[in-house]
Amino acid sequence: MSKTSRTVITMPAKAKKGEVIEIRAIVQHDMETGFRYTEGGKVVPRDIIRTFTCFYNNVEVFKADLYPGIGANPLIIFTTVATESGVLDFKWVGDGDYIANNQSQIVVS
């Protein structure tokens, strides 16, 4: 079963060609490590986001692999160069068929 959650992208809507832009991507996710136990002694199953990828006009510009040590609601901050107007696609993939997507537009002059 696929579950989705709230995502927030913070980035400039406009930039000059060649400008370095900062992108902040956050996803709402509890990130269960798989190392905790319930009161009954059973292992709480691992439920983490495994990868985060950003595509700029269908070209991968950033990718991160995430591990159980990452906290809940991970915030990823990175930069890229504004090359042309278009769409940035953000994708989070995790355990249990978890997928979250978001898109942002940028106008480059």
Protein backbone atom coordinates (compact mmCIF):
# COMPACT_ATOMS: atom_id res chain seq x y z
CA MET A 1 0.00 0.00 0.00
CA SER A 2 1.41 3.37 -0.96
CA LYS A 3 1.16 6.24 1.47
CA THR A 4 1.88 9.88 0.79
CA SER A 5 2.57 12.84 2.99
CA ARG A 6 2.93 16.61 2.99
CA THR A 7 5.96 18.07 1.22
CA VAL A 8 7.21 21.66 1.16
CA ILE A 9 9.69 23.17 -1.30
CA THR A 10 11.28 26.57 -0.72
CA MET A 11 13.17 28.05 -3.66
CA PRO A 12 13.19 31.24 -5.72
CA ALA A 13 10.52 31.55 -8.41
CA LYS A 14 12.88 33.66 -10.56
CA ALA A 15 16.65 33.68 -11.10
CA LYS A 16 19.23 35.02 -13.51
CA LYS A 17 20.94 32.59 -15.86
CA GLY A 18 24.02 31.14 -14.16
CA GLU A 19 22.88 32.12 -10.66
CA VAL A 20 23.34 29.57 -7.89
CA ILE A 21 20.00 28.97 -6.18
CA GLU A 22 19.32 27.37 -2.82
CA ILE A 23 16.57 24.77 -2.57
CA ARG A 24 15.03 23.53 0.68
CA ALA A 25 12.92 20.38 0.55
CA ILE A 26 11.10 18.93 3.55
CA VAL A 27 8.80 15.95 3.79
CA GLN A 28 6.51 14.97 6.64
CA HIS A 29 7.57 11.45 7.66
CA ASP A 30 8.09 9.78 11.06
CA MET A 31 11.22 7.81 9.98
CA GLU A 32 10.99 4.67 12.15
CA THR A 33 14.49 3.12 12.42
CA GLY A 34 13.49 -0.50 12.96
CA PHE A 35 15.60 -0.68 16.14
CA ARG A 36 12.83 0.12 18.65
CA TYR A 37 10.53 -2.36 20.40
CA THR A 38 6.88 -2.13 21.40
CA GLU A 39 5.83 -2.56 25.03
CA GLY A 40 5.05 -6.17 24.10
CA GLY A 41 8.63 -6.77 22.98
CA LYS A 42 8.03 -6.83 19.22
CA VAL A 43 10.29 -4.93 16.84
CA VAL A 44 8.68 -1.81 15.36
CA PRO A 45 9.19 -2.31 11.60
CA ARG A 46 11.60 -0.01 9.79
CA ASP A 47 9.83 2.73 7.84
CA ILE A 48 12.27 5.26 6.41
CA ILE A 49 12.69 7.34 3.30
CA ARG A 50 15.52 5.72 1.35
CA THR A 51 16.15 8.21 -1.46
CA PHE A 52 15.48 11.81 -2.38
CA THR A 53 15.99 12.95 -5.98
CA CYS A 54 15.63 16.32 -7.72
CA PHE A 55 15.25 16.62 -11.49
CA TYR A 56 15.62 19.96 -13.30
CA ASN A 57 13.82 19.75 -16.65
CA ASN A 58 14.12 15.95 -16.48
CA VAL A 59 17.88 16.01 -15.70
CA GLU A 60 18.93 14.68 -12.29
CA VAL A 61 20.72 17.49 -10.42
CA PHE A 62 20.70 16.11 -6.87
CA LYS A 63 20.27 12.73 -5.19
CA ALA A 64 20.63 11.66 -1.56
CA ASP A 65 20.46 8.22 0.02
CA LEU A 66 18.94 8.31 3.51
CA TYR A 67 19.52 5.86 6.36
CA PRO A 68 17.86 4.98 9.71
CA GLY A 69 19.91 7.67 11.52
CA ILE A 70 18.01 10.45 9.73
CA GLY A 71 15.45 12.17 11.97
CA ALA A 72 11.74 12.56 11.37
CA ASN A 73 10.56 15.08 8.77
CA PRO A 74 13.93 15.31 7.00
CA LEU A 75 14.96 18.70 5.61
CA ILE A 76 17.35 18.61 2.67
CA ILE A 77 19.12 21.80 1.59
CA PHE A 78 21.16 21.93 -1.61
CA THR A 79 22.09 24.28 -4.44
CA THR A 80 21.99 24.13 -8.21
CA VAL A 81 22.68 26.53 -11.06
CA ALA A 82 19.73 28.22 -12.79
CA THR A 83 20.29 27.32 -16.44
CA GLU A 84 16.86 27.71 -18.03
CA SER A 85 13.22 28.22 -17.18
CA GLY A 86 11.35 25.07 -16.37
CA VAL A 87 10.24 22.59 -13.74
CA LEU A 88 12.06 21.06 -10.81
CA ASP A 89 10.65 17.67 -9.83
CA PHE A 90 11.24 16.33 -6.33
CA LYS A 91 10.75 12.66 -5.42
CA TRP A 92 11.05 10.86 -2.09
CA VAL A 93 10.99 7.02 -2.09
CA GLY A 94 10.87 4.87 1.03
CA ASP A 95 9.97 1.59 2.66
CA GLY A 96 6.53 0.06 2.22
CA ASP A 97 5.98 1.53 -1.29
CA TYR A 98 6.21 5.08 0.12
CA ILE A 99 6.36 7.76 -2.59
CA ALA A 100 5.98 11.53 -2.30
CA ASN A 101 6.32 13.98 -5.19
CA ASN A 102 6.38 17.73 -5.58
CA GLN A 103 7.11 20.19 -8.41
CA SER A 104 8.19 23.83 -8.54
CA GLN A 105 8.52 26.21 -11.47
CA ILE A 106 11.44 28.55 -12.05
CA VAL A 107 11.72 31.42 -14.54
CA VAL A 108 15.29 32.14 -15.65
CA SER A 109 16.15 35.39 -17.40
